[in-house]
Amino acid sequence: MNTYAKKLMTYHTVHQLHRDGLSISRISKELVLDWRTVKKYLSMTESDYEQFLQNQSERKKDLEPYEGFVKTRLTKYPETSAAQMND
């Protein structure tokens, strides 16, 4: 299953649990989500949520120009720590 479908299922699960009478904090514990995320999902309609997902997929990635460099270095030196790679 792709990530879009998983996120959409999570959105619908949040709404279903809320309709079943669970509180925001209980839903957040059940689904291992932050309570602010649950609250945000409950405030959105399905079309708002789909637009939100679309906007997320079109975001500019600041580190994208360095992706090839990092992959090459990690392939060449697999024992490199994250701190060393950051430096």
PDB file of N, CA and C in Angstrom:
ATOM      1  N   MET A   1       0.847  -1.175   0.000  1.00  0.00           N
ATOM      2  CA  MET A   1       0.000   0.000   0.000  1.00  0.00           C
ATOM      3  C   MET A   1       0.896   1.243   0.000  1.00  0.00           C
ATOM      4  N   ASN A   2       0.551   2.229  -0.811  1.00  0.00           N
ATOM      5  CA  ASN A   2       1.393   3.417  -0.875  1.00  0.00           C
ATOM      6  C   ASN A   2       1.113   4.363   0.295  1.00  0.00           C
ATOM      7  N   THR A   3       1.996   5.330   0.477  1.00  0.00           N
ATOM      8  CA  THR A   3       1.882   6.223   1.638  1.00  0.00           C
ATOM      9  C   THR A   3       0.632   7.095   1.568  1.00  0.00           C
ATOM     10  N   TYR A   4       0.230   7.489   0.356  1.00  0.00           N
ATOM     11  CA  TYR A   4      -0.977   8.312   0.219  1.00  0.00           C
ATOM     12  C   TYR A   4      -2.184   7.556   0.777  1.00  0.00           C
ATOM     13  N   ALA A   5      -2.314   6.282   0.414  1.00  0.00           N
ATOM     14  CA  ALA A   5      -3.440   5.480   0.884  1.00  0.00           C
ATOM     15  C   ALA A   5      -3.375   5.277   2.393  1.00  0.00           C
ATOM     16  N   LYS A   6      -2.171   5.076   2.939  1.00  0.00           N
ATOM     17  CA  LYS A   6      -2.022   4.907   4.382  1.00  0.00           C
ATOM     18  C   LYS A   6      -2.444   6.166   5.126  1.00  0.00           C
ATOM     19  N   LYS A   7      -2.033   7.322   4.609  1.00  0.00           N
ATOM     20  CA  LYS A   7      -2.391   8.578   5.269  1.00  0.00           C
ATOM     21  C   LYS A   7      -3.898   8.830   5.188  1.00  0.00           C
ATOM     22  N   LEU A   8      -4.486   8.503   4.050  1.00  0.00           N
ATOM     23  CA  LEU A   8      -5.927   8.674   3.887  1.00  0.00           C
ATOM     24  C   LEU A   8      -6.685   7.731   4.819  1.00  0.00           C
ATOM     25  N   MET A   9      -6.186   6.507   4.993  1.00  0.00           N
ATOM     26  CA  MET A   9      -6.819   5.565   5.919  1.00  0.00           C
ATOM     27  C   MET A   9      -6.707   6.064   7.357  1.00  0.00           C
ATOM     28  N   THR A  10      -5.570   6.656   7.701  1.00  0.00           N
ATOM     29  CA  THR A  10      -5.399   7.215   9.045  1.00  0.00           C
ATOM     30  C   THR A  10      -6.411   8.322   9.277  1.00  0.00           C
ATOM     31  N   TYR A  11      -6.584   9.198   8.292  1.00  0.00           N
ATOM     32  CA  TYR A  11      -7.565  10.290   8.392  1.00  0.00           C
ATOM     33  C   TYR A  11      -8.962   9.720   8.657  1.00  0.00           C
ATOM     34  N   HIS A  12      -9.351   8.706   7.890  1.00  0.00           N
ATOM     35  CA  HIS A  12     -10.684   8.127   8.053  1.00  0.00           C
ATOM     36  C   HIS A  12     -10.814   7.383   9.382  1.00  0.00           C
ATOM     37  N   THR A  13      -9.740   6.753   9.830  1.00  0.00           N
ATOM     38  CA  THR A  13      -9.758   6.066  11.118  1.00  0.00           C
ATOM     39  C   THR A  13      -9.955   7.060  12.253  1.00  0.00           C
ATOM     40  N   VAL A  14      -9.284   8.211  12.175  1.00  0.00           N
ATOM     41  CA  VAL A  14      -9.444   9.257  13.190  1.00  0.00           C
ATOM     42  C   VAL A  14     -10.904   9.682  13.259  1.00  0.00           C
ATOM     43  N   HIS A  15     -11.504   9.922  12.109  1.00  0.00           N
ATOM     44  CA  HIS A  15     -12.907  10.358  12.089  1.00  0.00           C
ATOM     45  C   HIS A  15     -13.845   9.257  12.587  1.00  0.00           C
ATOM     46  N   GLN A  16     -13.550   8.000  12.237  1.00  0.00           N
ATOM     47  CA  GLN A  16     -14.394   6.902  12.694  1.00  0.00           C
ATOM     48  C   GLN A  16     -14.327   6.751  14.209  1.00  0.00           C
ATOM     49  N   LEU A  17     -13.126   6.816  14.771  1.00  0.00           N
ATOM     50  CA  LEU A  17     -12.978   6.698  16.219  1.00  0.00           C
ATOM     51  C   LEU A  17     -13.660   7.859  16.945  1.00  0.00           C
ATOM     52  N   HIS A  18     -13.619   9.032  16.348  1.00  0.00           N
ATOM     53  CA  HIS A  18     -14.284  10.194  16.950  1.00  0.00           C
ATOM     54  C   HIS A  18     -15.799  10.014  16.916  1.00  0.00           C
ATOM     55  N   ARG A  19     -16.312   9.483  15.804  1.00  0.00           N
ATOM     56  CA  ARG A  19     -17.755   9.203  15.721  1.00  0.00           C
ATOM     57  C   ARG A  19     -18.169   8.136  16.725  1.00  0.00           C
ATOM     58  N   ASP A  20     -17.240   7.218  17.035  1.00  0.00           N
ATOM     59  CA  ASP A  20     -17.513   6.162  18.019  1.00  0.00           C
ATOM     60  C   ASP A  20     -17.462   6.681  19.451  1.00  0.00           C
ATOM     61  N   GLY A  21     -17.104   7.954  19.624  1.00  0.00           N
ATOM     62  CA  GLY A  21     -17.147   8.565  20.940  1.00  0.00           C
ATOM     63  C   GLY A  21     -15.817   8.664  21.664  1.00  0.00           C
ATOM     64  N   LEU A  22     -14.720   8.310  21.025  1.00  0.00           N
ATOM     65  CA  LEU A  22     -13.419   8.410  21.677  1.00  0.00           C
ATOM     66  C   LEU A  22     -12.966   9.869  21.734  1.00  0.00           C
ATOM     67  N   SER A  23     -12.259  10.208  22.788  1.00  0.00           N
ATOM     68  CA  SER A  23     -11.739  11.561  22.930  1.00  0.00           C
ATOM     69  C   SER A  23     -10.502  11.742  22.055  1.00  0.00           C
ATOM     70  N   ILE A  24     -10.117  12.980  21.877  1.00  0.00           N
ATOM     71  CA  ILE A  24      -8.943  13.288  21.063  1.00  0.00           C
ATOM     72  C   ILE A  24      -7.697  12.641  21.655  1.00  0.00           C
ATOM     73  N   SER A  25      -7.547  12.718  22.973  1.00  0.00           N
ATOM     74  CA  SER A  25      -6.355  12.126  23.583  1.00  0.00           C
ATOM     75  C   SER A  25      -6.359  10.603  23.458  1.00  0.00           C
ATOM     76  N   ARG A  26      -7.527   9.982  23.554  1.00  0.00           N
ATOM     77  CA  ARG A  26      -7.616   8.528  23.417  1.00  0.00           C
ATOM     78  C   ARG A  26      -7.294   8.107  21.983  1.00  0.00           C
ATOM     79  N   ILE A  27      -7.784   8.867  21.000  1.00  0.00           N
ATOM     80  CA  ILE A  27      -7.488   8.574  19.592  1.00  0.00           C
ATOM     81  C   ILE A  27      -5.989   8.702  19.346  1.00  0.00           C
ATOM     82  N   SER A  28      -5.385   9.737  19.923  1.00  0.00           N
ATOM     83  CA  SER A  28      -3.952   9.944  19.712  1.00  0.00           C
ATOM     84  C   SER A  28      -3.145   8.788  20.295  1.00  0.00           C
ATOM     85  N   LYS A  29      -3.571   8.254  21.427  1.00  0.00           N
ATOM     86  CA  LYS A  29      -2.875   7.114  22.023  1.00  0.00           C
ATOM     87  C   LYS A  29      -3.101   5.848  21.210  1.00  0.00           C
ATOM     88  N   GLU A  30      -4.325   5.643  20.725  1.00  0.00           N
ATOM     89  CA  GLU A  30      -4.644   4.458  19.926  1.00  0.00           C
ATOM     90  C   GLU A  30      -3.832   4.408  18.634  1.00  0.00           C
ATOM     91  N   LEU A  31      -3.723   5.548  17.961  1.00  0.00           N
ATOM     92  CA  LEU A  31      -3.086   5.593  16.648  1.00  0.00           C
ATOM     93  C   LEU A  31      -1.637   6.065  16.700  1.00  0.00           C
ATOM     94  N   VAL A  32      -1.141   6.343  17.896  1.00  0.00           N
ATOM     95  CA  VAL A  32       0.221   6.841  18.110  1.00  0.00           C
ATOM     96  C   VAL A  32       0.453   8.095  17.249  1.00  0.00           C
ATOM     97  N   LEU A  33      -0.448   9.061  17.414  1.00  0.00           N
ATOM     98  CA  LEU A  33      -0.354  10.368  16.757  1.00  0.00           C
ATOM     99  C   LEU A  33      -0.340  11.442  17.832  1.00  0.00           C
ATOM    100  N   ASP A  34       0.227  12.580  17.518  1.00  0.00           N
ATOM    101  CA  ASP A  34       0.167  13.707  18.432  1.00  0.00           C
ATOM    102  C   ASP A  34      -1.284  14.180  18.513  1.00  0.00           C
ATOM    103  N   TRP A  35      -1.708  14.632  19.685  1.00  0.00           N
ATOM    104  CA  TRP A  35      -3.099  15.057  19.846  1.00  0.00           C
ATOM    105  C   TRP A  35      -3.410  16.262  18.969  1.00  0.00           C
ATOM    106  N   ARG A  36      -2.390  17.084  18.685  1.00  0.00           N
ATOM    107  CA  ARG A  36      -2.606  18.243  17.801  1.00  0.00           C
ATOM    108  C   ARG A  36      -2.908  17.780  16.369  1.00  0.00           C
ATOM    109  N   THR A  37      -2.263  16.710  15.953  1.00  0.00           N
ATOM    110  CA  THR A  37      -2.515  16.143  14.627  1.00  0.00           C
ATOM    111  C   THR A  37      -3.937  15.615  14.548  1.00  0.00           C
ATOM    112  N   VAL A  38      -4.371  14.909  15.570  1.00  0.00           N
ATOM    113  CA  VAL A  38      -5.736  14.382  15.604  1.00  0.00           C
ATOM    114  C   VAL A  38      -6.737  15.534  15.530  1.00  0.00           C
ATOM    115  N   LYS A  39      -6.476  16.574  16.298  1.00  0.00           N
ATOM    116  CA  LYS A  39      -7.371  17.739  16.303  1.00  0.00           C
ATOM    117  C   LYS A  39      -7.417  18.395  14.915  1.00  0.00           C
ATOM    118  N   LYS A  40      -6.252  18.484  14.263  1.00  0.00           N
ATOM    119  CA  LYS A  40      -6.182  19.079  12.934  1.00  0.00           C
ATOM    120  C   LYS A  40      -6.962  18.230  11.932  1.00  0.00           C
ATOM    121  N   TYR A  41      -6.793  16.897  11.995  1.00  0.00           N
ATOM    122  CA  TYR A  41      -7.518  16.018  11.080  1.00  0.00           C
ATOM    123  C   TYR A  41      -9.023  16.124  11.279  1.00  0.00           C
ATOM    124  N   LEU A  42      -9.450  16.249  12.520  1.00  0.00           N
ATOM    125  CA  LEU A  42     -10.886  16.353  12.791  1.00  0.00           C
ATOM    126  C   LEU A  42     -11.474  17.666  12.287  1.00  0.00           C
ATOM    127  N   SER A  43     -10.645  18.696  12.199  1.00  0.00           N
ATOM    128  CA  SER A  43     -11.141  19.992  11.732  1.00  0.00           C
ATOM    129  C   SER A  43     -11.196  20.073  10.205  1.00  0.00           C
ATOM    130  N   MET A  44     -10.603  19.081   9.518  1.00  0.00           N
ATOM    131  CA  MET A  44     -10.550  19.106   8.052  1.00  0.00           C
ATOM    132  C   MET A  44     -11.651  18.253   7.442  1.00  0.00           C
ATOM    133  N   THR A  45     -12.164  18.703   6.294  1.00  0.00           N
ATOM    134  CA  THR A  45     -13.033  17.857   5.488  1.00  0.00           C
ATOM    135  C   THR A  45     -12.127  16.947   4.659  1.00  0.00           C
ATOM    136  N   GLU A  46     -12.713  15.963   4.020  1.00  0.00           N
ATOM    137  CA  GLU A  46     -11.892  15.046   3.214  1.00  0.00           C
ATOM    138  C   GLU A  46     -11.208  15.783   2.067  1.00  0.00           C
ATOM    139  N   SER A  47     -11.911  16.706   1.439  1.00  0.00           N
ATOM    140  CA  SER A  47     -11.289  17.459   0.340  1.00  0.00           C
ATOM    141  C   SER A  47     -10.173  18.371   0.864  1.00  0.00           C
ATOM    142  N   ASP A  48     -10.353  18.950   2.061  1.00  0.00           N
ATOM    143  CA  ASP A  48      -9.278  19.754   2.669  1.00  0.00           C
ATOM    144  C   ASP A  48      -8.053  18.889   2.928  1.00  0.00           C
ATOM    145  N   TYR A  49      -8.283  17.665   3.409  1.00  0.00           N
ATOM    146  CA  TYR A  49      -7.179  16.765   3.720  1.00  0.00           C
ATOM    147  C   TYR A  49      -6.443  16.345   2.448  1.00  0.00           C
ATOM    148  N   GLU A  50      -7.187  16.053   1.396  1.00  0.00           N
ATOM    149  CA  GLU A  50      -6.556  15.694   0.126  1.00  0.00           C
ATOM    150  C   GLU A  50      -5.724  16.848  -0.420  1.00  0.00           C
ATOM    151  N   GLN A  51      -6.226  18.069  -0.271  1.00  0.00           N
ATOM    152  CA  GLN A  51      -5.455  19.243  -0.689  1.00  0.00           C
ATOM    153  C   GLN A  51      -4.200  19.388   0.160  1.00  0.00           C
ATOM    154  N   PHE A  52      -4.310  19.129   1.457  1.00  0.00           N
ATOM    155  CA  PHE A  52      -3.172  19.175   2.369  1.00  0.00           C
ATOM    156  C   PHE A  52      -2.106  18.171   1.943  1.00  0.00           C
ATOM    157  N   LEU A  53      -2.514  16.949   1.594  1.00  0.00           N
ATOM    158  CA  LEU A  53      -1.566  15.929   1.135  1.00  0.00           C
ATOM    159  C   LEU A  53      -0.915  16.333  -0.179  1.00  0.00           C
ATOM    160  N   GLN A  54      -1.690  16.925  -1.056  1.00  0.00           N
ATOM    161  CA  GLN A  54      -1.155  17.388  -2.339  1.00  0.00           C
ATOM    162  C   GLN A  54      -0.100  18.473  -2.117  1.00  0.00           C
ATOM    163  N   ASN A  55      -0.372  19.403  -1.217  1.00  0.00           N
ATOM    164  CA  ASN A  55       0.586  20.471  -0.925  1.00  0.00           C
ATOM    165  C   ASN A  55       1.861  19.917  -0.307  1.00  0.00           C
ATOM    166  N   GLN A  56       1.736  18.887   0.522  1.00  0.00           N
ATOM    167  CA  GLN A  56       2.912  18.274   1.140  1.00  0.00           C
ATOM    168  C   GLN A  56       3.803  17.618   0.098  1.00  0.00           C
ATOM    169  N   SER A  57       3.216  16.979  -0.894  1.00  0.00           N
ATOM    170  CA  SER A  57       4.011  16.275  -1.891  1.00  0.00           C
ATOM    171  C   SER A  57       4.717  17.242  -2.836  1.00  0.00           C
ATOM    172  N   GLU A  58       4.238  18.478  -2.924  1.00  0.00           N
ATOM    173  CA  GLU A  58       4.829  19.461  -3.831  1.00  0.00           C
ATOM    174  C   GLU A  58       5.804  20.408  -3.145  1.00  0.00           C
ATOM    175  N   ARG A  59       6.084  20.165  -1.859  1.00  0.00           N
ATOM    176  CA  ARG A  59       6.995  21.044  -1.134  1.00  0.00           C
ATOM    177  C   ARG A  59       8.404  20.964  -1.699  1.00  0.00           C
ATOM    178  N   LYS A  60       9.096  22.087  -1.627  1.00  0.00           N
ATOM    179  CA  LYS A  60      10.492  22.125  -2.039  1.00  0.00           C
ATOM    180  C   LYS A  60      11.325  21.488  -0.933  1.00  0.00           C
ATOM    181  N   LYS A  61      12.190  20.599  -1.307  1.00  0.00           N
ATOM    182  CA  LYS A  61      13.061  19.917  -0.353  1.00  0.00           C
ATOM    183  C   LYS A  61      14.418  20.624  -0.346  1.00  0.00           C
ATOM    184  N   ASP A  62      14.805  21.207   0.787  1.00  0.00           N
ATOM    185  CA  ASP A  62      16.039  21.979   0.878  1.00  0.00           C
ATOM    186  C   ASP A  62      17.293  21.146   0.664  1.00  0.00           C
ATOM    187  N   LEU A  63      17.267  19.896   1.076  1.00  0.00           N
ATOM    188  CA  LEU A  63      18.465  19.056   0.992  1.00  0.00           C
ATOM    189  C   LEU A  63      18.513  18.203  -0.274  1.00  0.00           C
ATOM    190  N   GLU A  64      17.540  18.343  -1.143  1.00  0.00           N
ATOM    191  CA  GLU A  64      17.491  17.527  -2.351  1.00  0.00           C
ATOM    192  C   GLU A  64      18.746  17.644  -3.218  1.00  0.00           C
ATOM    193  N   PRO A  65      19.349  18.821  -3.356  1.00  0.00           N
ATOM    194  CA  PRO A  65      20.570  18.902  -4.173  1.00  0.00           C
ATOM    195  C   PRO A  65      21.723  18.049  -3.640  1.00  0.00           C
ATOM    196  N   TYR A  66      21.711  17.695  -2.371  1.00  0.00           N
ATOM    197  CA  TYR A  66      22.791  16.938  -1.763  1.00  0.00           C
ATOM    198  C   TYR A  66      22.512  15.436  -1.683  1.00  0.00           C
ATOM    199  N   GLU A  67      21.363  15.014  -2.161  1.00  0.00           N
ATOM    200  CA  GLU A  67      20.964  13.617  -2.021  1.00  0.00           C
ATOM    201  C   GLU A  67      21.954  12.669  -2.688  1.00  0.00           C
ATOM    202  N   GLY A  68      22.373  12.983  -3.893  1.00  0.00           N
ATOM    203  CA  GLY A  68      23.326  12.131  -4.601  1.00  0.00           C
ATOM    204  C   GLY A  68      24.654  12.031  -3.877  1.00  0.00           C
ATOM    205  N   PHE A  69      25.128  13.156  -3.373  1.00  0.00           N
ATOM    206  CA  PHE A  69      26.395  13.180  -2.640  1.00  0.00           C
ATOM    207  C   PHE A  69      26.319  12.290  -1.399  1.00  0.00           C
ATOM    208  N   VAL A  70      25.251  12.433  -0.637  1.00  0.00           N
ATOM    209  CA  VAL A  70      25.103  11.665   0.597  1.00  0.00           C
ATOM    210  C   VAL A  70      25.007  10.173   0.288  1.00  0.00           C
ATOM    211  N   LYS A  71      24.219   9.814  -0.723  1.00  0.00           N
ATOM    212  CA  LYS A  71      24.088   8.398  -1.081  1.00  0.00           C
ATOM    213  C   LYS A  71      25.428   7.816  -1.509  1.00  0.00           C
ATOM    214  N   THR A  72      26.180   8.573  -2.290  1.00  0.00           N
ATOM    215  CA  THR A  72      27.493   8.109  -2.734  1.00  0.00           C
ATOM    216  C   THR A  72      28.423   7.889  -1.553  1.00  0.00           C
ATOM    217  N   ARG A  73      28.457   8.850  -0.646  1.00  0.00           N
ATOM    218  CA  ARG A  73      29.324   8.729   0.531  1.00  0.00           C
ATOM    219  C   ARG A  73      28.919   7.566   1.422  1.00  0.00           C
ATOM    220  N   LEU A  74      27.627   7.379   1.619  1.00  0.00           N
ATOM    221  CA  LEU A  74      27.175   6.279   2.476  1.00  0.00           C
ATOM    222  C   LEU A  74      27.433   4.921   1.835  1.00  0.00           C
ATOM    223  N   THR A  75      27.376   4.866   0.513  1.00  0.00           N
ATOM    224  CA  THR A  75      27.696   3.624  -0.179  1.00  0.00           C
ATOM    225  C   THR A  75      29.185   3.320  -0.050  1.00  0.00           C
ATOM    226  N   LYS A  76      29.992   4.370  -0.203  1.00  0.00           N
ATOM    227  CA  LYS A  76      31.439   4.198  -0.138  1.00  0.00           C
ATOM    228  C   LYS A  76      31.922   3.961   1.295  1.00  0.00           C
ATOM    229  N   TYR A  77      31.338   4.664   2.246  1.00  0.00           N
ATOM    230  CA  TYR A  77      31.720   4.579   3.660  1.00  0.00           C
ATOM    231  C   TYR A  77      30.488   4.267   4.522  1.00  0.00           C
ATOM    232  N   PRO A  78      30.021   3.028   4.554  1.00  0.00           N
ATOM    233  CA  PRO A  78      28.769   2.701   5.256  1.00  0.00           C
ATOM    234  C   PRO A  78      28.827   2.871   6.775  1.00  0.00           C
ATOM    235  N   GLU A  79      30.015   2.950   7.347  1.00  0.00           N
ATOM    236  CA  GLU A  79      30.134   3.095   8.803  1.00  0.00           C
ATOM    237  C   GLU A  79      30.095   4.550   9.259  1.00  0.00           C
ATOM    238  N   THR A  80      29.884   5.484   8.335  1.00  0.00           N
ATOM    239  CA  THR A  80      29.869   6.905   8.664  1.00  0.00           C
ATOM    240  C   THR A  80      28.689   7.219   9.561  1.00  0.00           C
ATOM    241  N   SER A  81      28.957   7.936  10.656  1.00  0.00           N
ATOM    242  CA  SER A  81      27.876   8.310  11.569  1.00  0.00           C
ATOM    243  C   SER A  81      27.119   9.519  11.001  1.00  0.00           C
ATOM    244  N   ALA A  82      25.927   9.739  11.518  1.00  0.00           N
ATOM    245  CA  ALA A  82      25.113  10.877  11.066  1.00  0.00           C
ATOM    246  C   ALA A  82      25.811  12.194  11.386  1.00  0.00           C
ATOM    247  N   ALA A  83      26.502  12.262  12.526  1.00  0.00           N
ATOM    248  CA  ALA A  83      27.211  13.493  12.910  1.00  0.00           C
ATOM    249  C   ALA A  83      28.330  13.793  11.921  1.00  0.00           C
ATOM    250  N   GLN A  84      29.063  12.752  11.527  1.00  0.00           N
ATOM    251  CA  GLN A  84      30.134  12.962  10.550  1.00  0.00           C
ATOM    252  C   GLN A  84      29.573  13.386   9.203  1.00  0.00           C
ATOM    253  N   MET A  85      28.474  12.792   8.799  1.00  0.00           N
ATOM    254  CA  MET A  85      27.857  13.148   7.522  1.00  0.00           C
ATOM    255  C   MET A  85      27.357  14.593   7.565  1.00  0.00           C
ATOM    256  N   ASN A  86      26.829  15.007   8.701  1.00  0.00           N
ATOM    257  CA  ASN A  86      26.354  16.372   8.837  1.00  0.00           C
ATOM    258  C   ASN A  86      27.495  17.369   8.695  1.00  0.00           C
ATOM    259  N   ASP A  87      28.642  17.040   9.307  1.00  0.00           N
ATOM    260  CA  ASP A  87      29.813  17.935   9.209  1.00  0.00           C
ATOM    261  C   ASP A  87      30.288  18.012   7.772  1.00  0.00           C
TER     262      ASP A  87
END
